[in-house]
N, C-alpha and C. Protein backbone atom coordinates (compact mmCIF):
# COMPACT_ATOMS: atom_id res chain seq x y z
N MET A 1 71.05 147.72 130.69
CA MET A 1 71.92 148.24 129.66
C MET A 1 73.38 147.88 129.95
N ALA A 2 73.76 147.90 131.23
CA ALA A 2 75.14 147.57 131.60
C ALA A 2 75.45 146.11 131.29
N ILE A 3 74.44 145.24 131.46
CA ILE A 3 74.63 143.82 131.17
C ILE A 3 74.86 143.62 129.67
N ILE A 4 74.13 144.33 128.83
CA ILE A 4 74.30 144.22 127.38
C ILE A 4 75.69 144.68 126.98
N ASN A 5 76.16 145.79 127.55
CA ASN A 5 77.51 146.28 127.24
C ASN A 5 78.58 145.30 127.72
N LEU A 6 78.34 144.68 128.87
CA LEU A 6 79.28 143.69 129.38
C LEU A 6 79.33 142.47 128.45
N ASN A 7 78.17 142.01 127.99
CA ASN A 7 78.12 140.88 127.07
C ASN A 7 78.81 141.21 125.76
N ARG A 8 78.62 142.41 125.25
CA ARG A 8 79.28 142.82 124.02
C ARG A 8 80.80 142.84 124.22
N SER A 9 81.23 143.32 125.37
CA SER A 9 82.67 143.36 125.66
C SER A 9 83.25 141.95 125.73
N LEU A 10 82.54 141.06 126.37
CA LEU A 10 83.00 139.67 126.47
C LEU A 10 83.07 139.02 125.09
N ILE A 11 82.05 139.24 124.28
CA ILE A 11 82.03 138.65 122.94
C ILE A 11 83.16 139.23 122.11
N LEU A 12 83.34 140.54 122.17
CA LEU A 12 84.41 141.18 121.42
C LEU A 12 85.77 140.67 121.88
N GLY A 13 85.94 140.52 123.20
CA GLY A 13 87.20 139.99 123.74
C GLY A 13 87.46 138.57 123.24
N CYS A 14 86.43 137.75 123.21
CA CYS A 14 86.59 136.37 122.71
C CYS A 14 86.95 136.36 121.24
N ILE A 15 86.31 137.21 120.45
CA ILE A 15 86.62 137.28 119.02
C ILE A 15 88.06 137.70 118.81
N ILE A 16 88.51 138.69 119.55
CA ILE A 16 89.89 139.16 119.43
C ILE A 16 90.86 138.04 119.82
N ALA A 17 90.57 137.34 120.91
CA ALA A 17 91.44 136.24 121.35
C ALA A 17 91.52 135.15 120.29
N ILE A 18 90.39 134.80 119.69
CA ILE A 18 90.37 133.77 118.65
C ILE A 18 91.19 134.23 117.44
N LEU A 19 91.02 135.48 117.04
CA LEU A 19 91.78 136.00 115.91
C LEU A 19 93.27 135.97 116.19
N LEU A 20 93.67 136.33 117.39
CA LEU A 20 95.09 136.31 117.75
C LEU A 20 95.64 134.89 117.75
N LEU A 21 94.87 133.94 118.25
CA LEU A 21 95.33 132.56 118.30
C LEU A 21 95.44 131.94 116.91
N THR A 22 94.55 132.32 116.00
CA THR A 22 94.58 131.71 114.68
C THR A 22 95.41 132.48 113.68
N ALA A 23 95.91 133.64 114.06
CA ALA A 23 96.68 134.46 113.13
C ALA A 23 98.09 133.91 112.91
N GLY A 24 98.56 133.08 113.79
CA GLY A 24 99.89 132.51 113.63
C GLY A 24 100.92 133.33 114.38
N CYS A 25 102.14 132.86 114.34
CA CYS A 25 103.23 133.51 115.03
C CYS A 25 103.84 134.56 114.13
N THR A 26 104.57 135.51 114.75
CA THR A 26 105.03 136.63 113.96
C THR A 26 106.54 136.76 113.88
N ASP A 27 107.30 136.08 114.69
CA ASP A 27 108.75 136.20 114.61
C ASP A 27 109.29 135.43 113.42
N THR A 28 110.44 135.82 112.94
CA THR A 28 111.06 135.16 111.80
C THR A 28 111.50 133.76 112.18
N SER A 29 111.31 132.82 111.29
CA SER A 29 111.71 131.43 111.52
C SER A 29 113.22 131.31 111.67
N GLN A 30 113.64 130.46 112.58
CA GLN A 30 115.05 130.22 112.80
C GLN A 30 115.57 129.07 111.93
N HIS A 31 114.67 128.38 111.24
CA HIS A 31 115.05 127.20 110.48
C HIS A 31 114.47 127.27 109.07
N PRO A 32 114.77 128.31 108.29
CA PRO A 32 114.12 128.49 107.00
C PRO A 32 114.48 127.46 105.95
N GLY A 33 115.67 126.94 105.93
CA GLY A 33 116.07 126.05 104.85
C GLY A 33 116.43 124.67 105.32
N ALA A 34 115.76 124.18 106.36
CA ALA A 34 116.09 122.87 106.91
C ALA A 34 115.86 121.78 105.88
N ALA A 35 116.80 120.86 105.80
CA ALA A 35 116.69 119.73 104.88
C ALA A 35 115.62 118.77 105.37
N VAL A 36 114.85 118.24 104.45
CA VAL A 36 113.76 117.33 104.80
C VAL A 36 114.14 115.92 104.36
N PRO A 37 113.98 114.94 105.25
CA PRO A 37 114.28 113.56 104.89
C PRO A 37 113.34 113.04 103.81
N SER A 38 113.68 111.90 103.27
CA SER A 38 112.88 111.26 102.24
C SER A 38 111.56 110.77 102.81
N LEU A 39 110.53 110.76 101.97
CA LEU A 39 109.22 110.26 102.38
C LEU A 39 109.09 108.75 102.24
N SER A 40 110.02 108.10 101.58
CA SER A 40 109.90 106.67 101.35
C SER A 40 109.98 105.90 102.67
N GLN A 41 109.17 104.87 102.78
CA GLN A 41 109.17 104.06 103.99
C GLN A 41 110.39 103.16 104.01
N PRO A 42 111.13 103.18 105.11
CA PRO A 42 112.33 102.35 105.19
C PRO A 42 112.00 100.87 105.35
N ALA A 43 112.94 100.04 105.03
CA ALA A 43 112.79 98.60 105.24
C ALA A 43 112.99 98.29 106.72
N ILE A 44 112.21 97.39 107.24
CA ILE A 44 112.31 97.01 108.65
C ILE A 44 113.49 96.06 108.84
N GLY A 45 114.33 96.37 109.82
CA GLY A 45 115.47 95.51 110.11
C GLY A 45 115.04 94.18 110.70
N SER A 46 115.75 93.11 110.39
CA SER A 46 115.35 91.77 110.83
C SER A 46 115.62 91.53 112.31
N ASN A 47 116.58 92.24 112.91
CA ASN A 47 116.90 91.97 114.32
C ASN A 47 116.37 93.07 115.24
N SER A 48 115.42 93.85 114.81
CA SER A 48 114.89 94.94 115.60
C SER A 48 113.38 95.00 115.44
N PRO A 49 112.64 95.41 116.49
CA PRO A 49 111.19 95.52 116.37
C PRO A 49 110.77 96.72 115.53
N PHE A 50 111.71 97.57 115.12
CA PHE A 50 111.42 98.75 114.34
C PHE A 50 112.62 99.11 113.49
N ASP A 51 112.41 99.98 112.53
CA ASP A 51 113.52 100.43 111.71
C ASP A 51 114.17 101.67 112.29
N HIS A 52 113.38 102.71 112.46
CA HIS A 52 113.93 103.91 113.07
C HIS A 52 112.83 104.78 113.65
N VAL A 53 113.26 105.77 114.43
CA VAL A 53 112.35 106.72 115.06
C VAL A 53 112.65 108.09 114.46
N GLU A 54 111.58 108.82 114.16
CA GLU A 54 111.71 110.17 113.61
C GLU A 54 111.18 111.17 114.63
N VAL A 55 111.91 112.25 114.85
CA VAL A 55 111.45 113.35 115.69
C VAL A 55 111.51 114.59 114.81
N TYR A 56 110.35 115.17 114.54
CA TYR A 56 110.29 116.32 113.64
C TYR A 56 109.62 117.51 114.30
N HIS A 57 110.28 118.64 114.19
CA HIS A 57 109.70 119.92 114.60
C HIS A 57 109.14 120.58 113.35
N PHE A 58 107.82 120.57 113.23
CA PHE A 58 107.17 121.23 112.11
C PHE A 58 106.88 122.68 112.49
N HIS A 59 107.08 123.57 111.55
CA HIS A 59 106.84 124.99 111.81
C HIS A 59 106.42 125.66 110.51
N GLY A 60 106.04 126.92 110.61
CA GLY A 60 105.68 127.70 109.44
C GLY A 60 106.77 128.68 109.08
N ASN A 61 106.45 129.57 108.16
CA ASN A 61 107.41 130.59 107.75
C ASN A 61 107.78 131.52 108.90
N ASN A 62 106.83 131.76 109.77
CA ASN A 62 107.04 132.65 110.92
C ASN A 62 106.78 131.88 112.20
N GLN A 63 107.62 132.14 113.20
CA GLN A 63 107.47 131.43 114.47
C GLN A 63 107.56 132.41 115.63
N CYS A 64 106.76 132.16 116.66
CA CYS A 64 106.87 132.93 117.90
C CYS A 64 107.99 132.31 118.74
N SER A 65 108.30 132.92 119.85
CA SER A 65 109.39 132.43 120.69
C SER A 65 109.09 131.04 121.25
N SER A 66 107.84 130.73 121.54
CA SER A 66 107.49 129.40 122.05
C SER A 66 107.68 128.34 120.98
N CYS A 67 107.31 128.64 119.75
CA CYS A 67 107.50 127.70 118.64
C CYS A 67 108.98 127.41 118.42
N ILE A 68 109.77 128.46 118.48
CA ILE A 68 111.21 128.30 118.32
C ILE A 68 111.79 127.47 119.46
N ALA A 69 111.32 127.74 120.69
CA ALA A 69 111.83 127.02 121.86
C ALA A 69 111.52 125.53 121.77
N VAL A 70 110.32 125.16 121.33
CA VAL A 70 109.97 123.74 121.20
C VAL A 70 110.96 123.04 120.27
N GLY A 71 111.25 123.65 119.14
CA GLY A 71 112.17 123.05 118.18
C GLY A 71 113.61 123.05 118.65
N ASP A 72 114.06 124.16 119.20
CA ASP A 72 115.45 124.25 119.65
C ASP A 72 115.74 123.30 120.81
N LEU A 73 114.80 123.20 121.76
CA LEU A 73 115.01 122.28 122.89
C LEU A 73 114.97 120.82 122.42
N ALA A 74 114.12 120.51 121.47
CA ALA A 74 114.07 119.15 120.93
C ALA A 74 115.39 118.83 120.24
N GLU A 75 115.89 119.76 119.43
CA GLU A 75 117.16 119.54 118.74
C GLU A 75 118.31 119.36 119.74
N LYS A 76 118.34 120.19 120.76
CA LYS A 76 119.39 120.09 121.78
C LYS A 76 119.29 118.76 122.51
N THR A 77 118.10 118.34 122.85
CA THR A 77 117.90 117.07 123.55
C THR A 77 118.41 115.90 122.70
N VAL A 78 118.03 115.88 121.45
CA VAL A 78 118.42 114.79 120.55
C VAL A 78 119.93 114.79 120.34
N ASN A 79 120.50 115.96 120.06
CA ASN A 79 121.94 116.05 119.79
C ASN A 79 122.79 115.73 121.01
N THR A 80 122.30 116.03 122.19
CA THR A 80 123.05 115.78 123.42
C THR A 80 122.91 114.34 123.90
N ASN A 81 121.70 113.81 123.86
CA ASN A 81 121.43 112.51 124.50
C ASN A 81 121.36 111.32 123.55
N PHE A 82 121.37 111.56 122.25
CA PHE A 82 121.19 110.45 121.30
C PHE A 82 122.18 110.54 120.14
N LYS A 83 123.41 110.89 120.44
CA LYS A 83 124.44 111.04 119.39
C LYS A 83 124.64 109.74 118.61
N ASP A 84 124.76 108.63 119.30
CA ASP A 84 124.99 107.35 118.63
C ASP A 84 123.81 106.95 117.75
N GLU A 85 122.60 107.16 118.26
CA GLU A 85 121.40 106.80 117.51
C GLU A 85 121.25 107.67 116.26
N LEU A 86 121.61 108.94 116.38
CA LEU A 86 121.59 109.83 115.21
C LEU A 86 122.61 109.38 114.18
N ALA A 87 123.82 109.07 114.65
CA ALA A 87 124.90 108.66 113.74
C ALA A 87 124.57 107.37 113.01
N SER A 88 123.88 106.45 113.69
CA SER A 88 123.56 105.16 113.08
C SER A 88 122.31 105.22 112.20
N GLY A 89 121.53 106.29 112.32
CA GLY A 89 120.29 106.39 111.56
C GLY A 89 119.09 105.80 112.27
N ARG A 90 119.29 105.26 113.47
CA ARG A 90 118.16 104.73 114.25
C ARG A 90 117.22 105.85 114.68
N LEU A 91 117.77 107.08 114.77
CA LEU A 91 116.98 108.25 115.14
C LEU A 91 117.24 109.33 114.11
N VAL A 92 116.17 109.98 113.68
CA VAL A 92 116.25 111.07 112.72
C VAL A 92 115.60 112.29 113.35
N PHE A 93 116.23 113.45 113.19
CA PHE A 93 115.65 114.70 113.66
C PHE A 93 115.75 115.74 112.57
N ALA A 94 114.71 116.56 112.44
CA ALA A 94 114.77 117.68 111.49
C ALA A 94 113.74 118.74 111.88
N HIS A 95 114.04 119.97 111.49
CA HIS A 95 113.08 121.07 111.51
C HIS A 95 112.49 121.11 110.11
N ILE A 96 111.17 121.12 110.01
CA ILE A 96 110.52 121.08 108.69
C ILE A 96 109.52 122.23 108.58
N ASN A 97 109.74 123.09 107.60
CA ASN A 97 108.81 124.18 107.33
C ASN A 97 107.63 123.61 106.56
N ALA A 98 106.51 123.45 107.25
CA ALA A 98 105.33 122.82 106.66
C ALA A 98 104.64 123.70 105.63
N GLU A 99 105.01 124.98 105.57
CA GLU A 99 104.39 125.89 104.61
C GLU A 99 105.05 125.84 103.23
N LEU A 100 106.23 125.28 103.14
CA LEU A 100 106.90 125.21 101.85
C LEU A 100 106.25 124.13 100.98
N PRO A 101 106.00 124.43 99.71
CA PRO A 101 105.34 123.46 98.83
C PRO A 101 106.06 122.11 98.77
N GLU A 102 107.38 122.11 98.79
CA GLU A 102 108.12 120.85 98.71
C GLU A 102 107.96 119.99 99.97
N ASN A 103 107.41 120.54 101.04
CA ASN A 103 107.21 119.79 102.28
C ASN A 103 105.74 119.43 102.52
N HIS A 104 104.87 119.77 101.57
CA HIS A 104 103.44 119.55 101.76
C HIS A 104 103.11 118.07 102.00
N ALA A 105 103.64 117.18 101.18
CA ALA A 105 103.33 115.75 101.34
C ALA A 105 103.83 115.23 102.68
N PHE A 106 104.98 115.73 103.11
CA PHE A 106 105.55 115.30 104.39
C PHE A 106 104.65 115.75 105.54
N ALA A 107 104.22 117.01 105.50
CA ALA A 107 103.33 117.54 106.54
C ALA A 107 102.00 116.81 106.53
N GLU A 108 101.52 116.46 105.35
CA GLU A 108 100.27 115.72 105.22
C GLU A 108 100.38 114.32 105.82
N LYS A 109 101.51 113.67 105.60
CA LYS A 109 101.75 112.34 106.16
C LYS A 109 101.60 112.34 107.68
N TYR A 110 102.09 113.41 108.30
CA TYR A 110 102.01 113.53 109.76
C TYR A 110 100.72 114.18 110.24
N GLY A 111 99.96 114.78 109.36
CA GLY A 111 98.71 115.44 109.77
C GLY A 111 98.96 116.78 110.45
N VAL A 112 100.00 117.45 110.04
CA VAL A 112 100.40 118.71 110.68
C VAL A 112 99.40 119.82 110.36
N THR A 113 99.02 120.57 111.40
CA THR A 113 98.13 121.72 111.22
C THR A 113 98.76 123.01 111.71
N GLY A 114 99.91 122.94 112.31
CA GLY A 114 100.59 124.14 112.81
C GLY A 114 101.92 123.75 113.42
N SER A 115 102.53 124.69 114.09
CA SER A 115 103.81 124.42 114.74
C SER A 115 103.62 123.29 115.75
N SER A 116 104.48 122.27 115.65
CA SER A 116 104.27 121.09 116.48
C SER A 116 105.51 120.20 116.49
N LEU A 117 105.55 119.30 117.47
CA LEU A 117 106.60 118.30 117.56
C LEU A 117 105.95 116.93 117.39
N TRP A 118 106.45 116.17 116.42
CA TRP A 118 105.90 114.86 116.11
C TRP A 118 106.96 113.79 116.23
N ILE A 119 106.52 112.59 116.64
CA ILE A 119 107.40 111.44 116.73
C ILE A 119 106.78 110.34 115.88
N GLY A 120 107.58 109.79 114.96
CA GLY A 120 107.11 108.72 114.11
C GLY A 120 107.97 107.49 114.30
N VAL A 121 107.34 106.32 114.29
CA VAL A 121 108.04 105.05 114.46
C VAL A 121 107.61 104.12 113.34
N TYR A 122 108.57 103.48 112.71
CA TYR A 122 108.31 102.44 111.72
C TYR A 122 108.59 101.10 112.37
N ASN A 123 107.59 100.21 112.35
CA ASN A 123 107.80 98.85 112.85
C ASN A 123 107.12 97.86 111.93
N SER A 124 107.07 96.60 112.32
CA SER A 124 106.51 95.56 111.45
C SER A 124 105.03 95.77 111.16
N ASN A 125 104.35 96.56 111.98
CA ASN A 125 102.93 96.86 111.75
C ASN A 125 102.73 98.12 110.91
N GLY A 126 103.81 98.77 110.51
CA GLY A 126 103.68 99.97 109.68
C GLY A 126 104.24 101.21 110.35
N PHE A 127 103.63 102.32 110.05
CA PHE A 127 104.06 103.63 110.53
C PHE A 127 103.13 104.12 111.62
N HIS A 128 103.69 104.56 112.72
CA HIS A 128 102.92 105.09 113.85
C HIS A 128 103.41 106.51 114.12
N LYS A 129 102.49 107.43 114.27
CA LYS A 129 102.86 108.82 114.52
C LYS A 129 102.11 109.34 115.74
N GLU A 130 102.74 110.30 116.41
CA GLU A 130 102.09 110.94 117.54
C GLU A 130 102.59 112.38 117.66
N GLN A 131 101.65 113.27 117.92
CA GLN A 131 102.02 114.65 118.19
C GLN A 131 102.27 114.76 119.69
N ASP A 132 103.39 115.34 120.06
CA ASP A 132 103.70 115.50 121.47
C ASP A 132 103.36 116.92 121.90
N THR A 133 102.25 117.07 122.60
CA THR A 133 101.81 118.40 123.03
C THR A 133 102.35 118.77 124.41
N LYS A 134 102.80 117.78 125.17
CA LYS A 134 103.28 118.08 126.53
C LYS A 134 104.53 118.98 126.51
N VAL A 135 105.33 118.89 125.44
CA VAL A 135 106.56 119.69 125.39
C VAL A 135 106.29 121.18 125.49
N TRP A 136 105.13 121.63 125.02
CA TRP A 136 104.79 123.05 125.07
C TRP A 136 104.72 123.56 126.52
N TYR A 137 104.35 122.69 127.44
CA TYR A 137 104.22 123.09 128.84
C TYR A 137 105.56 123.05 129.57
N LEU A 138 106.59 122.56 128.91
CA LEU A 138 107.90 122.39 129.55
C LEU A 138 108.97 123.33 129.01
N ILE A 139 108.62 124.22 128.08
CA ILE A 139 109.65 125.04 127.44
C ILE A 139 110.33 126.02 128.39
N ASP A 140 109.74 126.30 129.52
CA ASP A 140 110.36 127.21 130.49
C ASP A 140 111.26 126.47 131.48
N ASN A 141 111.35 125.16 131.34
CA ASN A 141 112.19 124.35 132.24
C ASN A 141 112.97 123.35 131.38
N GLU A 142 114.15 123.76 130.95
CA GLU A 142 114.93 122.95 130.02
C GLU A 142 115.23 121.56 130.57
N ASP A 143 115.54 121.44 131.85
CA ASP A 143 115.83 120.13 132.43
C ASP A 143 114.61 119.21 132.36
N ALA A 144 113.44 119.73 132.70
CA ALA A 144 112.22 118.92 132.65
C ALA A 144 111.89 118.54 131.20
N TYR A 145 112.06 119.49 130.28
CA TYR A 145 111.81 119.22 128.86
C TYR A 145 112.73 118.11 128.38
N THR A 146 114.01 118.24 128.65
CA THR A 146 115.00 117.26 128.20
C THR A 146 114.73 115.89 128.80
N SER A 147 114.45 115.84 130.08
CA SER A 147 114.16 114.57 130.76
C SER A 147 112.92 113.91 130.16
N TYR A 148 111.87 114.68 130.00
CA TYR A 148 110.62 114.14 129.45
C TYR A 148 110.83 113.62 128.03
N LEU A 149 111.37 114.46 127.14
CA LEU A 149 111.50 114.06 125.74
C LEU A 149 112.50 112.91 125.59
N SER A 150 113.56 112.91 126.36
CA SER A 150 114.52 111.79 126.33
C SER A 150 113.84 110.48 126.70
N GLY A 151 112.96 110.54 127.70
CA GLY A 151 112.23 109.34 128.12
C GLY A 151 111.33 108.81 127.03
N ILE A 152 110.62 109.71 126.35
CA ILE A 152 109.74 109.31 125.25
C ILE A 152 110.55 108.70 124.11
N ILE A 153 111.62 109.37 123.73
CA ILE A 153 112.45 108.88 122.62
C ILE A 153 113.05 107.52 122.96
N THR A 154 113.53 107.35 124.18
CA THR A 154 114.11 106.07 124.61
C THR A 154 113.07 104.96 124.51
N LYS A 155 111.84 105.23 124.96
CA LYS A 155 110.78 104.23 124.85
C LYS A 155 110.53 103.85 123.39
N ARG A 156 110.47 104.84 122.52
CA ARG A 156 110.21 104.56 121.10
C ARG A 156 111.37 103.79 120.47
N LEU A 157 112.60 104.14 120.83
CA LEU A 157 113.76 103.41 120.31
C LEU A 157 113.76 101.95 120.77
N ASN A 158 113.15 101.69 121.92
CA ASN A 158 113.04 100.32 122.43
C ASN A 158 111.79 99.60 121.94
N GLY A 159 111.05 100.25 121.01
CA GLY A 159 109.87 99.62 120.44
C GLY A 159 108.61 99.78 121.27
N ASP A 160 108.65 100.57 122.33
CA ASP A 160 107.51 100.79 123.22
C ASP A 160 106.69 101.96 122.70
N LEU A 161 105.47 101.68 122.26
CA LEU A 161 104.59 102.72 121.74
C LEU A 161 103.58 103.22 122.76
N SER A 162 103.70 102.78 124.01
CA SER A 162 102.74 103.22 125.03
C SER A 162 103.02 104.61 125.51
């Protein structure tokens, strides 16, 4: 009988954990009205292996502290380490609320399913996208987060998709 009760407790605990994980975040979004770039594909520059790199923090209407940290640290990294690239348009950064109807096509283009950080590159072979999940493990160490993300962005700006 004790084994049956233990199994029921484990199953109930797993169900509760799954419900909590899929329920979404509960804190208010810090980026409710972020401007979203155009969906049109840019023209590829003749003297560059790519046109530009996009770094997007996708989020929902509500965000937990970790979701907010991923976006805020990405924004700080980009604004601090890539000022010239942002000014020239070689690098684009935005917070995008994927739950807003006007952002649906944009979120679909990236395959967004929840709060996430995505990097997109346009080159002569088309559009390449990648979700960066490692940043979630670095949000408690700003220096490591900044160093890691700066390295990835630098590689993409140099046309390196590895």
